[in-house]
Amino acid sequence: MRPVAVLVPGAGLGPRGVAVLRRSGARAVVTLGPERVEGAHALLMDHEAVGHCAGARLRARGRRRIGVIVPEEPGLEAFSRPRLAGVRRALRGTDAAVTALPLAYTEQAAAQLAARWRESGLDAVFAYNDEYAMLLMRALQDEGVRIPEDVAVVGADDLMLGRLLRPRLSTVHVELPSGRDLAGLVDRAVREPGAEPEVHRVLGASLVPRESG
């Protein structure tokens, strides 16, 4: 049985992949990610809003030298670049400075970054997401860096584990599109396969303030 519609998460499909899926019998291809893919319907996830939310929080807390974790893992650039841009936008026109901090998701890499932290002069960090935030927090605490007294930390995704840390992790709650919205788009796409692809911007971001930043 041939697929009626295909929902593809992420940003790695590309126009050629859309064409392959259509040739295989898919009446509609819907992508869920940060960028539009030619030939497919798109639900664009505004990751810049996530970074902006974190940057605004750190600015409001009086932090002026802010690091932003940029994961080194392949495939995350499409998400990390707009999050970094969002922090920069939140701090535009202020006296705050933003520093990109490449980081691999390993304890060794986090320990190396933490060992250099005091000389960096940074007083805050948006750690891309909660997993990187927890990794870095542990490494900073091992170096005797106090959170949030010395460094304020904000993550993203609002994972349950972040509420169990000490200090509890401030984070950005990311609201994904509802099932009803997805179903409506897929229904229209299937009923009108030759129509111009629809593009909708989705993904809400709101700050969850806790103790870390």
N, C-alpha and C. Protein backbone atom coordinates (compact mmCIF):
# COMPACT_ATOMS: atom_id res chain seq x y z
N MET A 1 0.84 -1.20 0.00
CA MET A 1 0.00 0.00 0.00
C MET A 1 0.87 1.24 0.00
N ARG A 2 0.65 2.14 -0.95
CA ARG A 2 1.46 3.34 -1.05
C ARG A 2 1.05 4.37 0.00
N PRO A 3 2.05 5.16 0.51
CA PRO A 3 1.72 6.16 1.52
C PRO A 3 0.89 7.29 0.92
N VAL A 4 -0.05 7.80 1.70
CA VAL A 4 -0.85 8.95 1.26
C VAL A 4 -0.11 10.24 1.55
N ALA A 5 0.46 10.35 2.73
CA ALA A 5 1.22 11.54 3.11
C ALA A 5 2.39 11.12 3.98
N VAL A 6 3.48 11.87 3.90
CA VAL A 6 4.68 11.57 4.67
C VAL A 6 5.06 12.82 5.46
N LEU A 7 5.20 12.67 6.79
CA LEU A 7 5.66 13.74 7.66
C LEU A 7 7.12 13.48 8.00
N VAL A 8 7.99 14.42 7.65
CA VAL A 8 9.43 14.23 7.81
C VAL A 8 9.97 15.25 8.81
N PRO A 9 10.46 14.81 9.99
CA PRO A 9 11.08 15.74 10.93
C PRO A 9 12.50 16.07 10.51
N GLY A 10 13.00 17.22 11.00
CA GLY A 10 14.38 17.58 10.74
C GLY A 10 14.57 18.35 9.46
N ALA A 11 15.86 18.61 9.12
CA ALA A 11 16.17 19.48 7.99
C ALA A 11 17.02 18.78 6.93
N GLY A 12 17.12 17.45 6.97
CA GLY A 12 18.04 16.77 6.08
C GLY A 12 17.43 16.18 4.83
N LEU A 13 16.15 16.45 4.56
CA LEU A 13 15.50 15.79 3.43
C LEU A 13 15.97 16.34 2.09
N GLY A 14 15.79 17.61 1.83
CA GLY A 14 16.20 18.24 0.58
C GLY A 14 15.20 18.00 -0.54
N PRO A 15 15.25 18.84 -1.60
CA PRO A 15 14.32 18.71 -2.72
C PRO A 15 14.38 17.35 -3.41
N ARG A 16 15.57 16.77 -3.50
CA ARG A 16 15.70 15.46 -4.14
C ARG A 16 14.95 14.39 -3.34
N GLY A 17 15.04 14.46 -2.03
CA GLY A 17 14.31 13.51 -1.20
C GLY A 17 12.81 13.66 -1.34
N VAL A 18 12.34 14.92 -1.46
CA VAL A 18 10.91 15.15 -1.68
C VAL A 18 10.47 14.49 -2.98
N ALA A 19 11.28 14.66 -4.04
CA ALA A 19 10.95 14.08 -5.34
C ALA A 19 10.88 12.56 -5.28
N VAL A 20 11.81 11.96 -4.53
CA VAL A 20 11.82 10.49 -4.39
C VAL A 20 10.54 10.02 -3.70
N LEU A 21 10.15 10.71 -2.63
CA LEU A 21 8.94 10.33 -1.92
C LEU A 21 7.70 10.50 -2.79
N ARG A 22 7.67 11.55 -3.60
CA ARG A 22 6.52 11.74 -4.47
C ARG A 22 6.45 10.65 -5.54
N ARG A 23 7.62 10.28 -6.07
CA ARG A 23 7.64 9.21 -7.08
C ARG A 23 7.22 7.87 -6.48
N SER A 24 7.45 7.70 -5.18
CA SER A 24 7.08 6.45 -4.53
C SER A 24 5.58 6.37 -4.26
N GLY A 25 4.87 7.45 -4.53
CA GLY A 25 3.43 7.41 -4.39
C GLY A 25 2.85 8.32 -3.33
N ALA A 26 3.69 9.04 -2.58
CA ALA A 26 3.18 9.95 -1.56
C ALA A 26 2.46 11.13 -2.23
N ARG A 27 1.21 11.36 -1.84
CA ARG A 27 0.46 12.47 -2.41
C ARG A 27 0.89 13.81 -1.81
N ALA A 28 1.49 13.75 -0.61
CA ALA A 28 1.94 14.98 0.04
C ALA A 28 3.13 14.68 0.93
N VAL A 29 4.06 15.63 0.98
CA VAL A 29 5.21 15.54 1.89
C VAL A 29 5.18 16.79 2.76
N VAL A 30 5.21 16.59 4.08
CA VAL A 30 5.19 17.69 5.04
C VAL A 30 6.46 17.62 5.87
N THR A 31 7.21 18.70 5.92
CA THR A 31 8.44 18.73 6.72
C THR A 31 8.20 19.53 8.00
N LEU A 32 8.86 19.10 9.05
CA LEU A 32 8.80 19.77 10.35
C LEU A 32 10.24 20.09 10.75
N GLY A 33 10.63 21.35 10.62
CA GLY A 33 12.01 21.73 10.89
C GLY A 33 12.21 23.22 10.79
N PRO A 34 13.47 23.68 10.87
CA PRO A 34 13.75 25.12 10.90
C PRO A 34 13.76 25.78 9.52
N GLU A 35 13.82 24.99 8.43
CA GLU A 35 13.95 25.57 7.10
C GLU A 35 12.97 24.92 6.14
N ARG A 36 12.55 25.69 5.14
CA ARG A 36 11.64 25.18 4.13
C ARG A 36 12.41 24.31 3.14
N VAL A 37 11.75 23.23 2.67
CA VAL A 37 12.32 22.36 1.64
C VAL A 37 11.46 22.49 0.40
N GLU A 38 12.11 22.78 -0.72
CA GLU A 38 11.39 23.01 -1.96
C GLU A 38 10.52 21.80 -2.33
N GLY A 39 9.28 22.08 -2.67
CA GLY A 39 8.36 21.03 -3.10
C GLY A 39 7.55 20.39 -2.01
N ALA A 40 7.82 20.74 -0.75
CA ALA A 40 7.12 20.13 0.37
C ALA A 40 6.36 21.20 1.16
N HIS A 41 5.27 20.77 1.77
CA HIS A 41 4.61 21.63 2.75
C HIS A 41 5.53 21.75 3.96
N ALA A 42 5.48 22.89 4.64
CA ALA A 42 6.46 23.12 5.70
C ALA A 42 5.81 23.65 6.97
N LEU A 43 6.15 23.03 8.08
CA LEU A 43 5.89 23.59 9.40
C LEU A 43 7.24 24.06 9.93
N LEU A 44 7.47 25.37 9.89
CA LEU A 44 8.77 25.94 10.24
C LEU A 44 8.84 26.17 11.74
N MET A 45 9.84 25.59 12.36
CA MET A 45 10.04 25.72 13.80
C MET A 45 11.00 26.88 14.05
N ASP A 46 10.52 27.91 14.72
CA ASP A 46 11.27 29.15 14.90
C ASP A 46 12.23 29.02 16.09
N HIS A 47 13.38 28.44 15.83
CA HIS A 47 14.34 28.24 16.91
C HIS A 47 15.01 29.54 17.33
N GLU A 48 14.94 30.57 16.50
CA GLU A 48 15.47 31.86 16.92
C GLU A 48 14.70 32.39 18.13
N ALA A 49 13.40 32.08 18.18
CA ALA A 49 12.59 32.52 19.32
C ALA A 49 13.05 31.86 20.61
N VAL A 50 13.54 30.63 20.52
CA VAL A 50 14.05 29.94 21.72
C VAL A 50 15.27 30.68 22.26
N GLY A 51 16.21 31.00 21.37
CA GLY A 51 17.39 31.73 21.80
C GLY A 51 17.06 33.12 22.31
N HIS A 52 16.12 33.78 21.65
CA HIS A 52 15.72 35.13 22.08
C HIS A 52 15.16 35.10 23.49
N CYS A 53 14.34 34.10 23.78
CA CYS A 53 13.75 33.96 25.10
C CYS A 53 14.83 33.79 26.17
N ALA A 54 15.81 32.94 25.90
CA ALA A 54 16.90 32.72 26.85
C ALA A 54 17.75 33.97 27.01
N GLY A 55 18.07 34.63 25.90
CA GLY A 55 18.89 35.84 25.96
C GLY A 55 18.21 36.95 26.74
N ALA A 56 16.91 37.11 26.54
CA ALA A 56 16.16 38.14 27.27
C ALA A 56 16.17 37.86 28.76
N ARG A 57 16.06 36.59 29.13
CA ARG A 57 16.09 36.22 30.55
C ARG A 57 17.44 36.59 31.18
N LEU A 58 18.52 36.24 30.50
CA LEU A 58 19.85 36.52 31.05
C LEU A 58 20.13 38.02 31.11
N ARG A 59 19.65 38.74 30.12
CA ARG A 59 19.81 40.21 30.15
C ARG A 59 19.04 40.79 31.33
N ALA A 60 17.81 40.30 31.55
CA ALA A 60 17.00 40.81 32.66
C ALA A 60 17.63 40.49 34.01
N ARG A 61 18.42 39.44 34.07
CA ARG A 61 19.11 39.07 35.31
C ARG A 61 20.41 39.84 35.50
N GLY A 62 20.69 40.76 34.60
CA GLY A 62 21.86 41.62 34.74
C GLY A 62 23.15 41.02 34.22
N ARG A 63 23.07 39.96 33.45
CA ARG A 63 24.29 39.33 32.91
C ARG A 63 24.71 40.05 31.63
N ARG A 64 26.00 40.23 31.46
CA ARG A 64 26.50 41.04 30.36
C ARG A 64 27.56 40.33 29.49
N ARG A 65 28.04 39.19 29.94
CA ARG A 65 29.05 38.44 29.16
C ARG A 65 28.52 37.02 29.02
N ILE A 66 27.82 36.80 27.94
CA ILE A 66 27.00 35.60 27.80
C ILE A 66 27.58 34.63 26.76
N GLY A 67 27.81 33.41 27.19
CA GLY A 67 28.23 32.36 26.26
C GLY A 67 27.02 31.60 25.75
N VAL A 68 27.13 31.11 24.53
CA VAL A 68 26.07 30.30 23.93
C VAL A 68 26.69 29.00 23.42
N ILE A 69 26.25 27.88 23.97
CA ILE A 69 26.78 26.59 23.54
C ILE A 69 26.31 26.28 22.12
N VAL A 70 27.26 25.90 21.27
CA VAL A 70 26.97 25.49 19.89
C VAL A 70 27.42 24.04 19.76
N PRO A 71 26.50 23.09 19.74
CA PRO A 71 26.89 21.67 19.69
C PRO A 71 27.74 21.35 18.46
N GLU A 72 28.74 20.51 18.67
CA GLU A 72 29.59 20.09 17.55
C GLU A 72 29.05 18.86 16.83
N GLU A 73 28.00 18.24 17.37
CA GLU A 73 27.46 17.04 16.75
C GLU A 73 26.87 17.37 15.38
N PRO A 74 27.16 16.56 14.37
CA PRO A 74 26.64 16.80 13.02
C PRO A 74 25.11 16.80 13.00
N GLY A 75 24.54 17.66 12.18
CA GLY A 75 23.10 17.70 12.00
C GLY A 75 22.37 18.68 12.89
N LEU A 76 23.05 19.27 13.87
CA LEU A 76 22.39 20.19 14.78
C LEU A 76 22.57 21.65 14.39
N GLU A 77 23.35 21.91 13.33
CA GLU A 77 23.62 23.29 12.95
C GLU A 77 22.35 24.05 12.59
N ALA A 78 21.40 23.38 11.95
CA ALA A 78 20.17 24.04 11.54
C ALA A 78 19.35 24.52 12.74
N PHE A 79 19.59 23.94 13.90
CA PHE A 79 18.89 24.34 15.11
C PHE A 79 19.73 25.29 15.95
N SER A 80 21.03 25.03 16.04
CA SER A 80 21.89 25.83 16.91
C SER A 80 22.15 27.23 16.34
N ARG A 81 22.27 27.33 15.01
CA ARG A 81 22.53 28.66 14.41
C ARG A 81 21.42 29.64 14.72
N PRO A 82 20.14 29.30 14.49
CA PRO A 82 19.10 30.27 14.82
C PRO A 82 18.96 30.53 16.32
N ARG A 83 19.27 29.56 17.16
CA ARG A 83 19.21 29.82 18.60
C ARG A 83 20.28 30.83 19.01
N LEU A 84 21.47 30.70 18.44
CA LEU A 84 22.52 31.68 18.69
C LEU A 84 22.11 33.05 18.18
N ALA A 85 21.51 33.09 16.98
CA ALA A 85 21.06 34.36 16.42
C ALA A 85 19.99 35.00 17.30
N GLY A 86 19.13 34.17 17.91
CA GLY A 86 18.10 34.70 18.78
C GLY A 86 18.66 35.36 20.02
N VAL A 87 19.70 34.77 20.60
CA VAL A 87 20.35 35.40 21.76
C VAL A 87 20.94 36.74 21.35
N ARG A 88 21.61 36.77 20.22
CA ARG A 88 22.22 38.03 19.75
C ARG A 88 21.16 39.09 19.50
N ARG A 89 20.01 38.69 18.97
CA ARG A 89 18.94 39.65 18.72
C ARG A 89 18.40 40.20 20.04
N ALA A 90 18.28 39.34 21.05
CA ALA A 90 17.77 39.79 22.34
C ALA A 90 18.69 40.81 23.00
N LEU A 91 19.97 40.73 22.70
CA LEU A 91 20.96 41.60 23.35
C LEU A 91 21.41 42.76 22.47
N ARG A 92 20.84 42.85 21.26
CA ARG A 92 21.21 43.93 20.35
C ARG A 92 20.86 45.29 20.98
N GLY A 93 21.80 46.22 20.88
CA GLY A 93 21.57 47.54 21.42
C GLY A 93 21.87 47.68 22.90
N THR A 94 22.37 46.62 23.52
CA THR A 94 22.75 46.67 24.93
C THR A 94 24.28 46.61 25.03
N ASP A 95 24.78 46.69 26.25
CA ASP A 95 26.23 46.60 26.45
C ASP A 95 26.69 45.16 26.66
N ALA A 96 25.80 44.20 26.44
CA ALA A 96 26.15 42.79 26.64
C ALA A 96 26.87 42.24 25.42
N ALA A 97 27.76 41.28 25.66
CA ALA A 97 28.51 40.62 24.59
C ALA A 97 28.16 39.14 24.56
N VAL A 98 28.11 38.58 23.35
CA VAL A 98 27.76 37.17 23.16
C VAL A 98 28.96 36.43 22.58
N THR A 99 29.29 35.27 23.15
CA THR A 99 30.40 34.45 22.69
C THR A 99 29.89 33.05 22.36
N ALA A 100 30.12 32.59 21.13
CA ALA A 100 29.76 31.22 20.75
C ALA A 100 30.76 30.25 21.34
N LEU A 101 30.27 29.15 21.92
CA LEU A 101 31.12 28.16 22.59
C LEU A 101 30.88 26.78 21.98
N PRO A 102 31.68 26.35 21.01
CA PRO A 102 31.52 25.00 20.46
C PRO A 102 31.76 23.96 21.55
N LEU A 103 30.91 22.92 21.57
CA LEU A 103 31.05 21.90 22.60
C LEU A 103 30.54 20.56 22.09
N ALA A 104 31.37 19.53 22.22
CA ALA A 104 30.93 18.17 21.95
C ALA A 104 30.19 17.64 23.17
N TYR A 105 29.26 16.71 22.95
CA TYR A 105 28.46 16.19 24.05
C TYR A 105 29.19 15.04 24.73
N THR A 106 30.28 15.40 25.43
CA THR A 106 31.05 14.42 26.19
C THR A 106 31.47 15.06 27.51
N GLU A 107 31.68 14.24 28.53
CA GLU A 107 32.13 14.76 29.81
C GLU A 107 33.52 15.39 29.69
N GLN A 108 34.37 14.81 28.84
CA GLN A 108 35.71 15.35 28.67
C GLN A 108 35.68 16.75 28.08
N ALA A 109 34.87 16.93 27.04
CA ALA A 109 34.79 18.24 26.41
C ALA A 109 34.22 19.28 27.37
N ALA A 110 33.22 18.89 28.15
CA ALA A 110 32.63 19.82 29.12
C ALA A 110 33.65 20.19 30.19
N ALA A 111 34.43 19.20 30.64
CA ALA A 111 35.44 19.47 31.66
C ALA A 111 36.51 20.43 31.14
N GLN A 112 36.89 20.27 29.88
CA GLN A 112 37.89 21.16 29.30
C GLN A 112 37.37 22.59 29.20
N LEU A 113 36.11 22.73 28.81
CA LEU A 113 35.52 24.07 28.74
C LEU A 113 35.41 24.68 30.13
N ALA A 114 34.98 23.89 31.10
CA ALA A 114 34.84 24.39 32.46
C ALA A 114 36.17 24.83 33.06
N ALA A 115 37.24 24.12 32.71
CA ALA A 115 38.56 24.46 33.24
C ALA A 115 39.02 25.83 32.75
N ARG A 116 38.52 26.27 31.59
CA ARG A 116 38.89 27.57 31.02
C ARG A 116 37.88 28.66 31.35
N TRP A 117 36.86 28.32 32.12
CA TRP A 117 35.74 29.24 32.27
C TRP A 117 36.11 30.56 32.95
N ARG A 118 36.87 30.48 34.04
CA ARG A 118 37.19 31.70 34.77
C ARG A 118 37.98 32.69 33.91
N GLU A 119 38.88 32.20 33.11
CA GLU A 119 39.65 33.11 32.26
C GLU A 119 38.81 33.70 31.13
N SER A 120 37.68 33.07 30.81
CA SER A 120 36.82 33.60 29.75
C SER A 120 36.08 34.86 30.19
N GLY A 121 35.84 34.99 31.50
CA GLY A 121 35.12 36.15 32.00
C GLY A 121 33.62 36.09 31.80
N LEU A 122 33.09 34.99 31.32
CA LEU A 122 31.66 34.88 31.06
C LEU A 122 30.88 34.74 32.36
N ASP A 123 29.75 35.44 32.45
CA ASP A 123 28.94 35.36 33.67
C ASP A 123 27.59 34.70 33.43
N ALA A 124 27.37 34.14 32.23
CA ALA A 124 26.11 33.46 31.93
C ALA A 124 26.31 32.58 30.71
N VAL A 125 25.41 31.59 30.57
CA VAL A 125 25.47 30.72 29.40
C VAL A 125 24.07 30.22 29.04
N PHE A 126 23.73 30.32 27.77
CA PHE A 126 22.58 29.61 27.23
C PHE A 126 23.14 28.35 26.60
N ALA A 127 22.75 27.20 27.15
CA ALA A 127 23.45 25.95 26.84
C ALA A 127 22.80 25.13 25.72
N TYR A 128 22.09 25.77 24.80
CA TYR A 128 21.43 25.13 23.65
C TYR A 128 20.20 24.34 24.07
N ASN A 129 20.35 23.38 24.97
CA ASN A 129 19.18 22.67 25.49
C ASN A 129 19.50 22.16 26.90
N ASP A 130 18.54 21.50 27.51
CA ASP A 130 18.73 21.06 28.89
C ASP A 130 19.83 20.01 29.04
N GLU A 131 19.98 19.14 28.05
CA GLU A 131 21.00 18.10 28.15
C GLU A 131 22.40 18.71 28.19
N TYR A 132 22.66 19.66 27.30
CA TYR A 132 23.96 20.33 27.33
C TYR A 132 24.11 21.17 28.59
N ALA A 133 23.02 21.78 29.05
CA ALA A 133 23.07 22.58 30.27
C ALA A 133 23.47 21.72 31.47
N MET A 134 22.86 20.55 31.60
CA MET A 134 23.18 19.67 32.72
C MET A 134 24.62 19.16 32.64
N LEU A 135 25.06 18.83 31.43
CA LEU A 135 26.45 18.39 31.23
C LEU A 135 27.43 19.47 31.67
N LEU A 136 27.17 20.72 31.25
CA LEU A 136 28.07 21.81 31.57
C LEU A 136 27.99 22.21 33.04
N MET A 137 26.78 22.21 33.59
CA MET A 137 26.64 22.56 35.01
C MET A 137 27.46 21.66 35.90
N ARG A 138 27.42 20.35 35.64
CA ARG A 138 28.18 19.42 36.45
C ARG A 138 29.68 19.70 36.35
N ALA A 139 30.14 19.99 35.14
CA ALA A 139 31.56 20.27 34.94
C ALA A 139 31.97 21.58 35.62
N LEU A 140 31.12 22.60 35.53
CA LEU A 140 31.42 23.88 36.18
C LEU A 140 31.46 23.70 37.70
N GLN A 141 30.52 22.96 38.24
CA GLN A 141 30.50 22.75 39.69
C GLN A 141 31.72 21.96 40.15
N ASP A 142 32.18 21.03 39.33
CA ASP A 142 33.40 20.30 39.65
C ASP A 142 34.61 21.22 39.72
N GLU A 143 34.56 22.33 38.97
CA GLU A 143 35.65 23.31 38.98
C GLU A 143 35.47 24.36 40.08
N GLY A 144 34.41 24.23 40.86
CA GLY A 144 34.17 25.19 41.93
C GLY A 144 33.48 26.45 41.48
N VAL A 145 32.94 26.46 40.26
CA VAL A 145 32.20 27.62 39.76
C VAL A 145 30.78 27.54 40.32
N ARG A 146 30.33 28.60 40.97
CA ARG A 146 29.03 28.61 41.62
C ARG A 146 27.94 29.02 40.62
N ILE A 147 26.81 28.31 40.70
CA ILE A 147 25.65 28.57 39.85
C ILE A 147 24.46 28.88 40.76
N PRO A 148 23.84 30.05 40.63
CA PRO A 148 24.04 31.08 39.60
C PRO A 148 24.94 32.24 40.02
N GLU A 149 25.57 32.16 41.20
CA GLU A 149 26.32 33.31 41.68
C GLU A 149 27.41 33.74 40.71
N ASP A 150 28.20 32.78 40.22
CA ASP A 150 29.26 33.10 39.27
C ASP A 150 28.78 33.04 37.82
N VAL A 151 27.96 32.07 37.53
CA VAL A 151 27.48 31.86 36.16
C VAL A 151 26.00 31.47 36.19
N ALA A 152 25.18 32.23 35.49
CA ALA A 152 23.78 31.87 35.32
C ALA A 152 23.66 30.92 34.13
N VAL A 153 22.82 29.90 34.27
CA VAL A 153 22.68 28.87 33.23
C VAL A 153 21.21 28.74 32.84
N VAL A 154 20.96 28.76 31.53
CA VAL A 154 19.61 28.53 31.01
C VAL A 154 19.69 27.45 29.94
N GLY A 155 18.76 26.48 30.00
CA GLY A 155 18.67 25.44 28.98
C GLY A 155 17.44 25.64 28.12
N ALA A 156 17.01 24.57 27.48
CA ALA A 156 15.78 24.60 26.68
C ALA A 156 15.24 23.18 26.59
N ASP A 157 13.93 23.08 26.50
CA ASP A 157 13.15 21.84 26.34
C ASP A 157 12.37 21.47 27.59
N ASP A 158 12.73 22.04 28.75
CA ASP A 158 11.99 21.82 29.99
C ASP A 158 11.88 20.33 30.33
N LEU A 159 13.02 19.64 30.37
CA LEU A 159 13.03 18.24 30.75
C LEU A 159 12.77 18.09 32.25
N MET A 160 12.09 17.02 32.61
CA MET A 160 11.80 16.76 34.02
C MET A 160 13.06 16.71 34.87
N LEU A 161 14.13 16.13 34.32
CA LEU A 161 15.36 15.98 35.09
C LEU A 161 15.92 17.33 35.52
N GLY A 162 15.68 18.38 34.72
CA GLY A 162 16.16 19.71 35.09
C GLY A 162 15.55 20.24 36.37
N ARG A 163 14.36 19.74 36.72
CA ARG A 163 13.71 20.17 37.95
C ARG A 163 14.30 19.49 39.17
N LEU A 164 15.04 18.42 38.94
CA LEU A 164 15.61 17.65 40.04
C LEU A 164 17.03 18.06 40.37
N LEU A 165 17.63 18.90 39.52
CA LEU A 165 18.99 19.36 39.78
C LEU A 165 19.02 20.30 40.96
N ARG A 166 20.21 20.53 41.49
CA ARG A 166 20.42 21.57 42.49
C ARG A 166 21.60 22.40 42.04
N PRO A 167 21.43 23.66 41.68
CA PRO A 167 20.15 24.37 41.65
C PRO A 167 19.26 23.89 40.48
N ARG A 168 17.96 24.07 40.63
CA ARG A 168 17.05 23.69 39.57
C ARG A 168 17.32 24.52 38.32
N LEU A 169 17.14 23.89 37.17
CA LEU A 169 17.57 24.50 35.90
C LEU A 169 16.49 25.42 35.31
N SER A 170 16.85 26.68 35.11
CA SER A 170 16.00 27.57 34.32
C SER A 170 16.05 27.11 32.87
N THR A 171 14.92 27.20 32.18
CA THR A 171 14.85 26.61 30.85
C THR A 171 13.83 27.34 29.99
N VAL A 172 13.85 27.03 28.71
CA VAL A 172 12.85 27.55 27.78
C VAL A 172 11.92 26.40 27.42
N HIS A 173 10.65 26.57 27.72
CA HIS A 173 9.66 25.56 27.35
C HIS A 173 9.31 25.74 25.88
N VAL A 174 9.42 24.67 25.11
CA VAL A 174 9.16 24.70 23.68
C VAL A 174 7.83 24.02 23.40
N GLU A 175 6.90 24.78 22.82
CA GLU A 175 5.57 24.26 22.54
C GLU A 175 5.47 23.87 21.07
N LEU A 176 5.27 22.59 20.81
CA LEU A 176 5.19 22.07 19.45
C LEU A 176 3.78 22.22 18.90
N PRO A 177 3.63 22.14 17.58
CA PRO A 177 2.29 22.26 17.00
C PRO A 177 1.37 21.14 17.48
N SER A 178 0.08 21.45 17.57
CA SER A 178 -0.88 20.48 18.06
C SER A 178 -1.16 19.42 17.00
N GLY A 179 -1.66 18.28 17.46
CA GLY A 179 -2.05 17.23 16.53
C GLY A 179 -3.14 17.68 15.58
N ARG A 180 -4.02 18.55 16.05
CA ARG A 180 -5.10 19.06 15.19
C ARG A 180 -4.53 19.88 14.04
N ASP A 181 -3.54 20.73 14.34
CA ASP A 181 -2.92 21.55 13.28
C ASP A 181 -2.24 20.66 12.24
N LEU A 182 -1.52 19.64 12.72
CA LEU A 182 -0.84 18.73 11.80
C LEU A 182 -1.85 17.98 10.94
N ALA A 183 -2.91 17.50 11.57
CA ALA A 183 -3.92 16.74 10.83
C ALA A 183 -4.60 17.60 9.77
N GLY A 184 -4.86 18.87 10.10
CA GLY A 184 -5.50 19.76 9.14
C GLY A 184 -4.65 20.01 7.92
N LEU A 185 -3.35 20.22 8.15
CA LEU A 185 -2.45 20.45 7.02
C LEU A 185 -2.33 19.20 6.16
N VAL A 186 -2.18 18.05 6.78
CA VAL A 186 -2.06 16.80 6.02
C VAL A 186 -3.33 16.54 5.21
N ASP A 187 -4.49 16.80 5.79
CA ASP A 187 -5.75 16.59 5.09
C ASP A 187 -5.84 17.47 3.84
N ARG A 188 -5.50 18.74 3.98
CA ARG A 188 -5.54 19.64 2.82
C ARG A 188 -4.53 19.22 1.76
N ALA A 189 -3.33 18.82 2.22
CA ALA A 189 -2.29 18.43 1.29
C ALA A 189 -2.67 17.20 0.48
N VAL A 190 -3.35 16.25 1.12
CA VAL A 190 -3.74 15.02 0.44
C VAL A 190 -4.89 15.28 -0.54
N ARG A 191 -5.84 16.12 -0.12
CA ARG A 191 -6.99 16.40 -0.98
C ARG A 191 -6.62 17.23 -2.20
N GLU A 192 -5.56 18.06 -2.07
CA GLU A 192 -5.15 18.93 -3.18
C GLU A 192 -3.65 18.75 -3.44
N PRO A 193 -3.26 17.61 -4.00
CA PRO A 193 -1.83 17.32 -4.16
C PRO A 193 -1.11 18.26 -5.11
N GLY A 194 -1.84 18.90 -6.01
CA GLY A 194 -1.18 19.81 -6.94
C GLY A 194 -1.14 21.25 -6.49
N ALA A 195 -1.67 21.54 -5.29
CA ALA A 195 -1.72 22.92 -4.80
C ALA A 195 -0.33 23.40 -4.38
N GLU A 196 -0.19 24.71 -4.32
CA GLU A 196 1.08 25.31 -3.87
C GLU A 196 1.35 24.88 -2.43
N PRO A 197 2.57 24.43 -2.13
CA PRO A 197 2.88 23.99 -0.76
C PRO A 197 2.60 25.08 0.27
N GLU A 198 2.01 24.69 1.37
CA GLU A 198 1.73 25.63 2.46
C GLU A 198 2.95 25.75 3.36
N VAL A 199 3.13 26.94 3.91
CA VAL A 199 4.22 27.19 4.86
C VAL A 199 3.61 27.84 6.11
N HIS A 200 3.83 27.22 7.26
CA HIS A 200 3.32 27.75 8.52
C HIS A 200 4.45 27.82 9.53
N ARG A 201 4.52 28.92 10.24
CA ARG A 201 5.51 29.06 11.31
C ARG A 201 4.88 28.59 12.62
N VAL A 202 5.53 27.65 13.26
CA VAL A 202 5.02 27.08 14.50
C VAL A 202 6.14 27.08 15.54
N LEU A 203 5.83 26.63 16.72
CA LEU A 203 6.77 26.46 17.82
C LEU A 203 6.79 27.71 18.70
N GLY A 204 6.15 27.57 19.86
CA GLY A 204 6.14 28.65 20.83
C GLY A 204 7.25 28.46 21.85
N ALA A 205 7.74 29.56 22.40
CA ALA A 205 8.83 29.51 23.38
C ALA A 205 8.47 30.39 24.57
N SER A 206 8.60 29.85 25.76
CA SER A 206 8.34 30.62 26.97
C SER A 206 9.34 30.22 28.05
N LEU A 207 9.76 31.20 28.82
CA LEU A 207 10.77 30.99 29.85
C LEU A 207 10.18 30.34 31.09
N VAL A 208 10.87 29.33 31.60
CA VAL A 208 10.50 28.71 32.89
C VAL A 208 11.60 29.08 33.88
N PRO A 209 11.39 30.12 34.69
CA PRO A 209 12.45 30.59 35.58
C PRO A 209 12.61 29.69 36.80
N ARG A 210 13.83 29.28 37.05
CA ARG A 210 14.12 28.52 38.27
C ARG A 210 15.39 29.11 38.90
N GLU A 211 16.18 28.31 39.56
CA GLU A 211 17.26 28.83 40.39
C GLU A 211 18.58 29.05 39.66
N SER A 212 18.78 28.38 38.52
CA SER A 212 20.12 28.40 37.91
C SER A 212 20.42 29.67 37.13
N GLY A 213 19.38 30.43 36.80
CA GLY A 213 19.65 31.63 36.01
C GLY A 213 18.41 32.44 35.75
